[in-house]
Structure formats: structure tokens, C-alpha cells
């Protein structure tokens, strides 16, 4: 697994997998968009309490997930998203309701 920190640009609760886009700023100031796929289908995540307002653009987050196998891809399959206030959310339908 790996961890990234950045700012939420968008959240799309769509099937088959929801997507979160996080803008990450490297130590040299260069910004890049990371694409985070939810670890379940959107319908199950919505039933578990997720909405497109659970994470909103501009929120600072830390995301832990499995990196893409494609070399150079800025993408993760995720499980946990930690908000700036320390709240940990599961970006997955496997873990039950949003915490």
C-alpha cells in the first residue's frame, strides 16, 4: 500500500466503481491529479451512507490504498480516506457504513 496527501477535486458516485480525484502537491511544488477508485460498487457505498457530499472539493485528505500496476500511473484502489479533522472513512462497500 501507499499513502498520498492532497486536496479533493471531485467525487463521482457512479457504477461500477466510484472515483475520487485528489490533487497532490510534490515537494518541488508540482501538482498532479491522482485517481482513486472505490473498493466496491457505488450502489453499495450509497446504501452504506456515502454521498457526493461526504467529501467535498477543497477538503484536505490522506488516502491509503494499493497503487496501480501500470508504471507511472497516478492511481490507487483505496480502502481508507482520512479527513483533516482525523475522521477515517472507508471508500469501500466491504467495510460497512461510513465512519
PDB file of N, CA and C in Angstrom:
ATOM      1  N   UNK A   1       0.841  -1.182   0.000  1.00  0.00           N
ATOM      2  CA  UNK A   1       0.000   0.000   0.000  1.00  0.00           C
ATOM      3  C   UNK A   1       0.880   1.237   0.000  1.00  0.00           C
ATOM      4  N   UNK A   2       0.257   2.354  -0.326  1.00  0.00           N
ATOM      5  CA  UNK A   2       0.954   3.630  -0.257  1.00  0.00           C
ATOM      6  C   UNK A   2      -0.014   4.690   0.237  1.00  0.00           C
ATOM      7  N   UNK A   3       0.519   5.821   0.662  1.00  0.00           N
ATOM      8  CA  UNK A   3      -0.286   6.909   1.215  1.00  0.00           C
ATOM      9  C   UNK A   3       0.011   8.177   0.425  1.00  0.00           C
ATOM     10  N   UNK A   4      -1.055   8.907   0.072  1.00  0.00           N
ATOM     11  CA  UNK A   4      -0.896  10.216  -0.550  1.00  0.00           C
ATOM     12  C   UNK A   4      -1.672  11.238   0.277  1.00  0.00           C
ATOM     13  N   UNK A   5      -1.257  12.484   0.199  1.00  0.00           N
ATOM     14  CA  UNK A   5      -1.962  13.585   0.861  1.00  0.00           C
ATOM     15  C   UNK A   5      -2.252  14.638  -0.188  1.00  0.00           C
ATOM     16  N   UNK A   6      -3.454  15.199  -0.121  1.00  0.00           N
ATOM     17  CA  UNK A   6      -3.794  16.232  -1.084  1.00  0.00           C
ATOM     18  C   UNK A   6      -5.146  16.844  -0.806  1.00  0.00           C
ATOM     19  N   UNK A   7      -5.681  17.484  -1.847  1.00  0.00           N
ATOM     20  CA  UNK A   7      -6.944  18.201  -1.757  1.00  0.00           C
ATOM     21  C   UNK A   7      -7.939  17.565  -2.718  1.00  0.00           C
ATOM     22  N   UNK A   8      -9.148  17.308  -2.224  1.00  0.00           N
ATOM     23  CA  UNK A   8     -10.195  16.705  -3.052  1.00  0.00           C
ATOM     24  C   UNK A   8     -10.558  17.664  -4.191  1.00  0.00           C
ATOM     25  N   UNK A   9     -10.547  17.139  -5.409  1.00  0.00           N
ATOM     26  CA  UNK A   9     -11.008  17.920  -6.566  1.00  0.00           C
ATOM     27  C   UNK A   9     -12.436  17.529  -6.934  1.00  0.00           C
ATOM     28  N   UNK A  10     -12.737  16.213  -6.852  1.00  0.00           N
ATOM     29  CA  UNK A  10     -14.089  15.762  -7.196  1.00  0.00           C
ATOM     30  C   UNK A  10     -14.335  14.365  -6.652  1.00  0.00           C
ATOM     31  N   UNK A  11     -15.630  14.050  -6.493  1.00  0.00           N
ATOM     32  CA  UNK A  11     -16.084  12.720  -6.095  1.00  0.00           C
ATOM     33  C   UNK A  11     -17.237  12.355  -7.024  1.00  0.00           C
ATOM     34  N   UNK A  12     -17.164  11.179  -7.613  1.00  0.00           N
ATOM     35  CA  UNK A  12     -18.223  10.713  -8.515  1.00  0.00           C
ATOM     36  C   UNK A  12     -18.719   9.358  -8.023  1.00  0.00           C
ATOM     37  N   UNK A  13     -19.951   9.332  -7.547  1.00  0.00           N
ATOM     38  CA  UNK A  13     -20.545   8.084  -7.069  1.00  0.00           C
ATOM     39  C   UNK A  13     -21.269   7.411  -8.242  1.00  0.00           C
ATOM     40  N   UNK A  14     -20.501   6.708  -9.063  1.00  0.00           N
ATOM     41  CA  UNK A  14     -21.032   6.046 -10.256  1.00  0.00           C
ATOM     42  C   UNK A  14     -20.606   4.579 -10.247  1.00  0.00           C
ATOM     43  N   UNK A  15     -21.417   3.750 -10.884  1.00  0.00           N
ATOM     44  CA  UNK A  15     -21.063   2.339 -11.034  1.00  0.00           C
ATOM     45  C   UNK A  15     -20.215   2.166 -12.279  1.00  0.00           C
ATOM     46  N   UNK A  16     -19.314   1.195 -12.359  1.00  0.00           N
ATOM     47  CA  UNK A  16     -19.187   0.139 -11.366  1.00  0.00           C
ATOM     48  C   UNK A  16     -18.386   0.542 -10.129  1.00  0.00           C
ATOM     49  N   UNK A  17     -17.504   1.532 -10.237  1.00  0.00           N
ATOM     50  CA  UNK A  17     -16.714   1.931  -9.077  1.00  0.00           C
ATOM     51  C   UNK A  17     -16.699   3.450  -8.950  1.00  0.00           C
ATOM     52  N   UNK A  18     -16.964   3.952  -7.764  1.00  0.00           N
ATOM     53  CA  UNK A  18     -16.884   5.396  -7.557  1.00  0.00           C
ATOM     54  C   UNK A  18     -15.446   5.868  -7.720  1.00  0.00           C
ATOM     55  N   UNK A  19     -15.306   7.165  -8.025  1.00  0.00           N
ATOM     56  CA  UNK A  19     -13.975   7.713  -8.243  1.00  0.00           C
ATOM     57  C   UNK A  19     -13.801   9.009  -7.459  1.00  0.00           C
ATOM     58  N   UNK A  20     -12.644   9.135  -6.867  1.00  0.00           N
ATOM     59  CA  UNK A  20     -12.240  10.317  -6.125  1.00  0.00           C
ATOM     60  C   UNK A  20     -10.998  10.863  -6.828  1.00  0.00           C
ATOM     61  N   UNK A  21     -10.968  12.166  -7.091  1.00  0.00           N
ATOM     62  CA  UNK A  21      -9.795  12.793  -7.691  1.00  0.00           C
ATOM     63  C   UNK A  21      -9.180  13.701  -6.634  1.00  0.00           C
ATOM     64  N   UNK A  22      -7.897  13.479  -6.354  1.00  0.00           N
ATOM     65  CA  UNK A  22      -7.168  14.238  -5.337  1.00  0.00           C
ATOM     66  C   UNK A  22      -5.968  14.907  -5.994  1.00  0.00           C
ATOM     67  N   UNK A  23      -5.833  16.215  -5.769  1.00  0.00           N
ATOM     68  CA  UNK A  23      -4.675  16.946  -6.273  1.00  0.00           C
ATOM     69  C   UNK A  23      -3.566  16.884  -5.229  1.00  0.00           C
ATOM     70  N   UNK A  24      -2.432  16.329  -5.631  1.00  0.00           N
ATOM     71  CA  UNK A  24      -1.287  16.152  -4.743  1.00  0.00           C
ATOM     72  C   UNK A  24      -0.190  17.133  -5.166  1.00  0.00           C
ATOM     73  N   UNK A  25       0.396  17.814  -4.194  1.00  0.00           N
ATOM     74  CA  UNK A  25       1.496  18.739  -4.467  1.00  0.00           C
ATOM     75  C   UNK A  25       2.802  18.097  -4.006  1.00  0.00           C
ATOM     76  N   UNK A  26       3.726  17.910  -4.948  1.00  0.00           N
ATOM     77  CA  UNK A  26       5.026  17.312  -4.639  1.00  0.00           C
ATOM     78  C   UNK A  26       5.892  18.324  -3.892  1.00  0.00           C
ATOM     79  N   UNK A  27       6.988  17.845  -3.328  1.00  0.00           N
ATOM     80  CA  UNK A  27       7.881  18.718  -2.556  1.00  0.00           C
ATOM     81  C   UNK A  27       8.466  19.843  -3.411  1.00  0.00           C
ATOM     82  N   UNK A  28       8.528  19.652  -4.744  1.00  0.00           N
ATOM     83  CA  UNK A  28       9.046  20.690  -5.633  1.00  0.00           C
ATOM     84  C   UNK A  28       7.954  21.668  -6.075  1.00  0.00           C
ATOM     85  N   UNK A  29       6.727  21.490  -5.547  1.00  0.00           N
ATOM     86  CA  UNK A  29       5.614  22.381  -5.879  1.00  0.00           C
ATOM     87  C   UNK A  29       4.774  21.933  -7.069  1.00  0.00           C
ATOM     88  N   UNK A  30       5.224  20.898  -7.757  1.00  0.00           N
ATOM     89  CA  UNK A  30       4.480  20.399  -8.912  1.00  0.00           C
ATOM     90  C   UNK A  30       3.198  19.694  -8.452  1.00  0.00           C
ATOM     91  N   UNK A  31       2.089  20.032  -9.113  1.00  0.00           N
ATOM     92  CA  UNK A  31       0.797  19.446  -8.754  1.00  0.00           C
ATOM     93  C   UNK A  31       0.409  18.371  -9.767  1.00  0.00           C
ATOM     94  N   UNK A  32      -0.225  17.311  -9.251  1.00  0.00           N
ATOM     95  CA  UNK A  32      -0.714  16.253 -10.131  1.00  0.00           C
ATOM     96  C   UNK A  32      -2.013  15.692  -9.569  1.00  0.00           C
ATOM     97  N   UNK A  33      -2.864  15.241 -10.469  1.00  0.00           N
ATOM     98  CA  UNK A  33      -4.132  14.624 -10.075  1.00  0.00           C
ATOM     99  C   UNK A  33      -3.942  13.131  -9.903  1.00  0.00           C
ATOM    100  N   UNK A  34      -4.434  12.622  -8.786  1.00  0.00           N
ATOM    101  CA  UNK A  34      -4.437  11.189  -8.516  1.00  0.00           C
ATOM    102  C   UNK A  34      -5.877  10.711  -8.593  1.00  0.00           C
ATOM    103  N   UNK A  35      -6.072   9.578  -9.240  1.00  0.00           N
ATOM    104  CA  UNK A  35      -7.398   8.997  -9.431  1.00  0.00           C
ATOM    105  C   UNK A  35      -7.540   7.808  -8.494  1.00  0.00           C
ATOM    106  N   UNK A  36      -8.540   7.895  -7.621  1.00  0.00           N
ATOM    107  CA  UNK A  36      -8.755   6.899  -6.581  1.00  0.00           C
ATOM    108  C   UNK A  36     -10.047   6.154  -6.884  1.00  0.00           C
ATOM    109  N   UNK A  37      -9.954   4.834  -7.077  1.00  0.00           N
ATOM    110  CA  UNK A  37     -11.153   4.019  -7.312  1.00  0.00           C
ATOM    111  C   UNK A  37     -11.625   3.439  -5.997  1.00  0.00           C
ATOM    112  N   UNK A  38     -12.934   3.496  -5.781  1.00  0.00           N
ATOM    113  CA  UNK A  38     -13.519   2.916  -4.578  1.00  0.00           C
ATOM    114  C   UNK A  38     -13.399   1.402  -4.605  1.00  0.00           C
ATOM    115  N   UNK A  39     -13.303   0.814  -3.432  1.00  0.00           N
ATOM    116  CA  UNK A  39     -13.137  -0.628  -3.305  1.00  0.00           C
ATOM    117  C   UNK A  39     -14.444  -1.391  -3.320  1.00  0.00           C
ATOM    118  N   UNK A  40     -15.451  -0.870  -3.948  1.00  0.00           N
ATOM    119  CA  UNK A  40     -16.745  -1.545  -4.067  1.00  0.00           C
ATOM    120  C   UNK A  40     -17.560  -0.830  -5.118  1.00  0.00           C
ATOM    121  N   UNK A  41     -18.782  -1.290  -5.308  1.00  0.00           N
ATOM    122  CA  UNK A  41     -19.606  -0.592  -6.294  1.00  0.00           C
ATOM    123  C   UNK A  41     -20.337   0.577  -5.631  1.00  0.00           C
ATOM    124  N   UNK A  42     -20.678   1.562  -6.451  1.00  0.00           N
ATOM    125  CA  UNK A  42     -21.276   2.789  -5.925  1.00  0.00           C
ATOM    126  C   UNK A  42     -22.615   2.531  -5.243  1.00  0.00           C
ATOM    127  N   UNK A  43     -23.414   1.645  -5.769  1.00  0.00           N
ATOM    128  CA  UNK A  43     -24.728   1.377  -5.168  1.00  0.00           C
ATOM    129  C   UNK A  43     -24.589   0.914  -3.720  1.00  0.00           C
ATOM    130  N   UNK A  44     -23.650   0.004  -3.472  1.00  0.00           N
ATOM    131  CA  UNK A  44     -23.442  -0.494  -2.110  1.00  0.00           C
ATOM    132  C   UNK A  44     -22.883   0.602  -1.212  1.00  0.00           C
ATOM    133  N   UNK A  45     -22.004   1.443  -1.761  1.00  0.00           N
ATOM    134  CA  UNK A  45     -21.445   2.527  -0.953  1.00  0.00           C
ATOM    135  C   UNK A  45     -22.509   3.556  -0.598  1.00  0.00           C
ATOM    136  N   UNK A  46     -23.417   3.827  -1.513  1.00  0.00           N
ATOM    137  CA  UNK A  46     -24.520   4.757  -1.239  1.00  0.00           C
ATOM    138  C   UNK A  46     -25.419   4.181  -0.149  1.00  0.00           C
ATOM    139  N   UNK A  47     -25.707   2.881  -0.226  1.00  0.00           N
ATOM    140  CA  UNK A  47     -26.504   2.235   0.834  1.00  0.00           C
ATOM    141  C   UNK A  47     -25.788   2.300   2.181  1.00  0.00           C
ATOM    142  N   UNK A  48     -24.441   2.321   2.148  1.00  0.00           N
ATOM    143  CA  UNK A  48     -23.656   2.390   3.385  1.00  0.00           C
ATOM    144  C   UNK A  48     -23.551   3.818   3.918  1.00  0.00           C
ATOM    145  N   UNK A  49     -24.075   4.805   3.169  1.00  0.00           N
ATOM    146  CA  UNK A  49     -24.097   6.166   3.671  1.00  0.00           C
ATOM    147  C   UNK A  49     -23.327   7.197   2.866  1.00  0.00           C
ATOM    148  N   UNK A  50     -22.614   6.767   1.831  1.00  0.00           N
ATOM    149  CA  UNK A  50     -21.833   7.714   1.025  1.00  0.00           C
ATOM    150  C   UNK A  50     -22.732   8.546   0.136  1.00  0.00           C
ATOM    151  N   UNK A  51     -22.369   9.820  -0.016  1.00  0.00           N
ATOM    152  CA  UNK A  51     -22.975  10.709  -0.999  1.00  0.00           C
ATOM    153  C   UNK A  51     -21.832  11.487  -1.649  1.00  0.00           C
ATOM    154  N   UNK A  52     -22.141  12.251  -2.686  1.00  0.00           N
ATOM    155  CA  UNK A  52     -21.099  13.072  -3.299  1.00  0.00           C
ATOM    156  C   UNK A  52     -20.705  14.221  -2.388  1.00  0.00           C
ATOM    157  N   UNK A  53     -21.423  14.418  -1.275  1.00  0.00           N
ATOM    158  CA  UNK A  53     -21.095  15.467  -0.313  1.00  0.00           C
ATOM    159  C   UNK A  53     -20.319  14.952   0.895  1.00  0.00           C
ATOM    160  N   UNK A  54     -20.068  13.646   0.965  1.00  0.00           N
ATOM    161  CA  UNK A  54     -19.297  13.098   2.079  1.00  0.00           C
ATOM    162  C   UNK A  54     -17.891  13.694   2.078  1.00  0.00           C
ATOM    163  N   UNK A  55     -17.317  13.805   0.903  1.00  0.00           N
ATOM    164  CA  UNK A  55     -16.048  14.512   0.702  1.00  0.00           C
ATOM    165  C   UNK A  55     -16.331  15.581  -0.340  1.00  0.00           C
ATOM    166  N   UNK A  56     -15.966  16.816  -0.059  1.00  0.00           N
ATOM    167  CA  UNK A  56     -16.268  17.891  -0.993  1.00  0.00           C
ATOM    168  C   UNK A  56     -14.977  18.532  -1.517  1.00  0.00           C
ATOM    169  N   UNK A  57     -15.036  19.123  -2.707  1.00  0.00           N
ATOM    170  CA  UNK A  57     -13.860  19.784  -3.264  1.00  0.00           C
ATOM    171  C   UNK A  57     -13.283  20.802  -2.279  1.00  0.00           C
ATOM    172  N   UNK A  58     -11.965  20.778  -2.168  1.00  0.00           N
ATOM    173  CA  UNK A  58     -11.266  21.680  -1.268  1.00  0.00           C
ATOM    174  C   UNK A  58     -10.861  21.045   0.051  1.00  0.00           C
ATOM    175  N   UNK A  59     -11.461  19.885   0.396  1.00  0.00           N
ATOM    176  CA  UNK A  59     -11.094  19.203   1.644  1.00  0.00           C
ATOM    177  C   UNK A  59      -9.699  18.602   1.523  1.00  0.00           C
ATOM    178  N   UNK A  60      -8.905  18.761   2.593  1.00  0.00           N
ATOM    179  CA  UNK A  60      -7.605  18.106   2.654  1.00  0.00           C
ATOM    180  C   UNK A  60      -7.818  16.682   3.161  1.00  0.00           C
ATOM    181  N   UNK A  61      -7.185  15.718   2.476  1.00  0.00           N
ATOM    182  CA  UNK A  61      -7.352  14.310   2.844  1.00  0.00           C
ATOM    183  C   UNK A  61      -6.026  13.566   2.730  1.00  0.00           C
ATOM    184  N   UNK A  62      -5.974  12.451   3.441  1.00  0.00           N
ATOM    185  CA  UNK A  62      -4.897  11.477   3.302  1.00  0.00           C
ATOM    186  C   UNK A  62      -5.563  10.199   2.819  1.00  0.00           C
ATOM    187  N   UNK A  63      -5.010   9.603   1.789  1.00  0.00           N
ATOM    188  CA  UNK A  63      -5.609   8.410   1.188  1.00  0.00           C
ATOM    189  C   UNK A  63      -4.597   7.280   1.226  1.00  0.00           C
ATOM    190  N   UNK A  64      -5.031   6.128   1.733  1.00  0.00           N
ATOM    191  CA  UNK A  64      -4.195   4.934   1.738  1.00  0.00           C
ATOM    192  C   UNK A  64      -4.811   3.927   0.793  1.00  0.00           C
ATOM    193  N   UNK A  65      -3.982   3.346  -0.061  1.00  0.00           N
ATOM    194  CA  UNK A  65      -4.522   2.364  -0.993  1.00  0.00           C
ATOM    195  C   UNK A  65      -3.443   1.607  -1.729  1.00  0.00           C
ATOM    196  N   UNK A  66      -3.898   0.743  -2.609  1.00  0.00           N
ATOM    197  CA  UNK A  66      -2.992  -0.064  -3.421  1.00  0.00           C
ATOM    198  C   UNK A  66      -2.717   0.654  -4.733  1.00  0.00           C
ATOM    199  N   UNK A  67      -1.429   0.863  -5.061  1.00  0.00           N
ATOM    200  CA  UNK A  67      -1.102   1.584  -6.292  1.00  0.00           C
ATOM    201  C   UNK A  67      -1.430   0.763  -7.536  1.00  0.00           C
ATOM    202  N   UNK A  68      -1.646   1.487  -8.612  1.00  0.00           N
ATOM    203  CA  UNK A  68      -1.880   0.847  -9.902  1.00  0.00           C
ATOM    204  C   UNK A  68      -0.664   0.013 -10.290  1.00  0.00           C
ATOM    205  N   UNK A  69      -0.902  -1.047 -11.019  1.00  0.00           N
ATOM    206  CA  UNK A  69       0.208  -1.860 -11.528  1.00  0.00           C
ATOM    207  C   UNK A  69       0.842  -1.223 -12.762  1.00  0.00           C
ATOM    208  N   UNK A  70       0.124  -0.295 -13.359  1.00  0.00           N
ATOM    209  CA  UNK A  70       0.627   0.368 -14.562  1.00  0.00           C
ATOM    210  C   UNK A  70       1.706   1.376 -14.161  1.00  0.00           C
ATOM    211  N   UNK A  71       2.895   1.204 -14.676  1.00  0.00           N
ATOM    212  CA  UNK A  71       4.025   2.055 -14.324  1.00  0.00           C
ATOM    213  C   UNK A  71       3.735   3.516 -14.639  1.00  0.00           C
ATOM    214  N   UNK A  72       3.996   4.371 -13.664  1.00  0.00           N
ATOM    215  CA  UNK A  72       3.811   5.806 -13.837  1.00  0.00           C
ATOM    216  C   UNK A  72       2.393   6.304 -13.623  1.00  0.00           C
ATOM    217  N   UNK A  73       1.444   5.393 -13.437  1.00  0.00           N
ATOM    218  CA  UNK A  73       0.051   5.810 -13.246  1.00  0.00           C
ATOM    219  C   UNK A  73      -0.114   6.450 -11.875  1.00  0.00           C
ATOM    220  N   UNK A  74      -0.876   7.500 -11.817  1.00  0.00           N
ATOM    221  CA  UNK A  74      -1.199   8.161 -10.554  1.00  0.00           C
ATOM    222  C   UNK A  74      -2.604   7.714 -10.165  1.00  0.00           C
ATOM    223  N   UNK A  75      -2.676   6.468  -9.682  1.00  0.00           N
ATOM    224  CA  UNK A  75      -3.970   5.860  -9.381  1.00  0.00           C
ATOM    225  C   UNK A  75      -3.832   4.895  -8.210  1.00  0.00           C
ATOM    226  N   UNK A  76      -4.899   4.835  -7.406  1.00  0.00           N
ATOM    227  CA  UNK A  76      -4.953   3.917  -6.269  1.00  0.00           C
ATOM    228  C   UNK A  76      -6.307   3.225  -6.226  1.00  0.00           C
ATOM    229  N   UNK A  77      -6.304   1.998  -5.740  1.00  0.00           N
ATOM    230  CA  UNK A  77      -7.526   1.320  -5.317  1.00  0.00           C
ATOM    231  C   UNK A  77      -7.498   1.460  -3.808  1.00  0.00           C
ATOM    232  N   UNK A  78      -8.516   2.073  -3.251  1.00  0.00           N
ATOM    233  CA  UNK A  78      -8.406   2.504  -1.866  1.00  0.00           C
ATOM    234  C   UNK A  78      -9.315   1.774  -0.891  1.00  0.00           C
ATOM    235  N   UNK A  79      -9.000   1.967   0.346  1.00  0.00           N
ATOM    236  CA  UNK A  79      -9.808   1.491   1.438  1.00  0.00           C
ATOM    237  C   UNK A  79     -10.134   2.623   2.393  1.00  0.00           C
ATOM    238  N   UNK A  80      -9.128   3.410   2.813  1.00  0.00           N
ATOM    239  CA  UNK A  80      -9.349   4.449   3.827  1.00  0.00           C
ATOM    240  C   UNK A  80      -8.983   5.839   3.334  1.00  0.00           C
ATOM    241  N   UNK A  81      -9.844   6.788   3.697  1.00  0.00           N
ATOM    242  CA  UNK A  81      -9.606   8.207   3.444  1.00  0.00           C
ATOM    243  C   UNK A  81      -9.719   8.893   4.801  1.00  0.00           C
ATOM    244  N   UNK A  82      -8.681   9.635   5.186  1.00  0.00           N
ATOM    245  CA  UNK A  82      -8.691  10.350   6.455  1.00  0.00           C
ATOM    246  C   UNK A  82      -8.848  11.838   6.178  1.00  0.00           C
ATOM    247  N   UNK A  83      -9.889  12.424   6.779  1.00  0.00           N
ATOM    248  CA  UNK A  83     -10.129  13.852   6.632  1.00  0.00           C
ATOM    249  C   UNK A  83      -9.190  14.620   7.552  1.00  0.00           C
ATOM    250  N   UNK A  84      -9.087  15.929   7.335  1.00  0.00           N
ATOM    251  CA  UNK A  84      -8.169  16.769   8.100  1.00  0.00           C
ATOM    252  C   UNK A  84      -8.474  16.742   9.599  1.00  0.00           C
ATOM    253  N   UNK A  85      -9.754  16.530   9.967  1.00  0.00           N
ATOM    254  CA  UNK A  85     -10.125  16.502  11.386  1.00  0.00           C
ATOM    255  C   UNK A  85      -9.847  15.142  12.044  1.00  0.00           C
ATOM    256  N   UNK A  86      -9.271  14.201  11.271  1.00  0.00           N
ATOM    257  CA  UNK A  86      -8.930  12.884  11.803  1.00  0.00           C
ATOM    258  C   UNK A  86      -9.984  11.822  11.570  1.00  0.00           C
ATOM    259  N   UNK A  87     -11.140  12.203  11.035  1.00  0.00           N
ATOM    260  CA  UNK A  87     -12.194  11.242  10.737  1.00  0.00           C
ATOM    261  C   UNK A  87     -11.718  10.303   9.637  1.00  0.00           C
ATOM    262  N   UNK A  88     -11.838   8.993   9.885  1.00  0.00           N
ATOM    263  CA  UNK A  88     -11.432   7.998   8.900  1.00  0.00           C
ATOM    264  C   UNK A  88     -12.685   7.439   8.244  1.00  0.00           C
ATOM    265  N   UNK A  89     -12.713   7.493   6.907  1.00  0.00           N
ATOM    266  CA  UNK A  89     -13.828   6.980   6.122  1.00  0.00           C
ATOM    267  C   UNK A  89     -13.342   5.803   5.292  1.00  0.00           C
ATOM    268  N   UNK A  90     -14.186   4.822   5.116  1.00  0.00           N
ATOM    269  CA  UNK A  90     -13.865   3.692   4.259  1.00  0.00           C
ATOM    270  C   UNK A  90     -14.436   3.963   2.873  1.00  0.00           C
ATOM    271  N   UNK A  91     -13.572   4.126   1.871  1.00  0.00           N
ATOM    272  CA  UNK A  91     -14.011   4.350   0.492  1.00  0.00           C
ATOM    273  C   UNK A  91     -14.199   2.988  -0.166  1.00  0.00           C
ATOM    274  N   UNK A  92     -15.099   2.203   0.453  1.00  0.00           N
ATOM    275  CA  UNK A  92     -15.313   0.825   0.054  1.00  0.00           C
ATOM    276  C   UNK A  92     -16.666   0.367   0.578  1.00  0.00           C
ATOM    277  N   UNK A  93     -17.285  -0.557  -0.115  1.00  0.00           N
ATOM    278  CA  UNK A  93     -18.543  -1.120   0.373  1.00  0.00           C
ATOM    279  C   UNK A  93     -18.310  -2.333   1.257  1.00  0.00           C
ATOM    280  N   UNK A  94     -17.100  -2.838   1.290  1.00  0.00           N
ATOM    281  CA  UNK A  94     -16.805  -4.047   2.050  1.00  0.00           C
ATOM    282  C   UNK A  94     -16.739  -3.808   3.550  1.00  0.00           C
ATOM    283  N   UNK A  95     -16.495  -2.573   3.947  1.00  0.00           N
ATOM    284  CA  UNK A  95     -16.243  -2.279   5.362  1.00  0.00           C
ATOM    285  C   UNK A  95     -17.442  -1.780   6.114  1.00  0.00           C
ATOM    286  N   UNK A  96     -18.610  -1.830   5.498  1.00  0.00           N
ATOM    287  CA  UNK A  96     -19.795  -1.360   6.191  1.00  0.00           C
ATOM    288  C   UNK A  96     -19.982   0.133   6.060  1.00  0.00           C
ATOM    289  N   UNK A  97     -20.755   0.715   6.959  1.00  0.00           N
ATOM    290  CA  UNK A  97     -21.125   2.130   6.857  1.00  0.00           C
ATOM    291  C   UNK A  97     -19.938   3.073   6.983  1.00  0.00           C
ATOM    292  N   UNK A  98     -20.144   4.263   6.499  1.00  0.00           N
ATOM    293  CA  UNK A  98     -19.158   5.329   6.643  1.00  0.00           C
ATOM    294  C   UNK A  98     -18.998   5.588   8.130  1.00  0.00           C
ATOM    295  N   UNK A  99     -17.764   5.773   8.574  1.00  0.00           N
ATOM    296  CA  UNK A  99     -17.496   6.003   9.999  1.00  0.00           C
ATOM    297  C   UNK A  99     -17.277   7.472  10.253  1.00  0.00           C
TER     298      UNK A  99
END
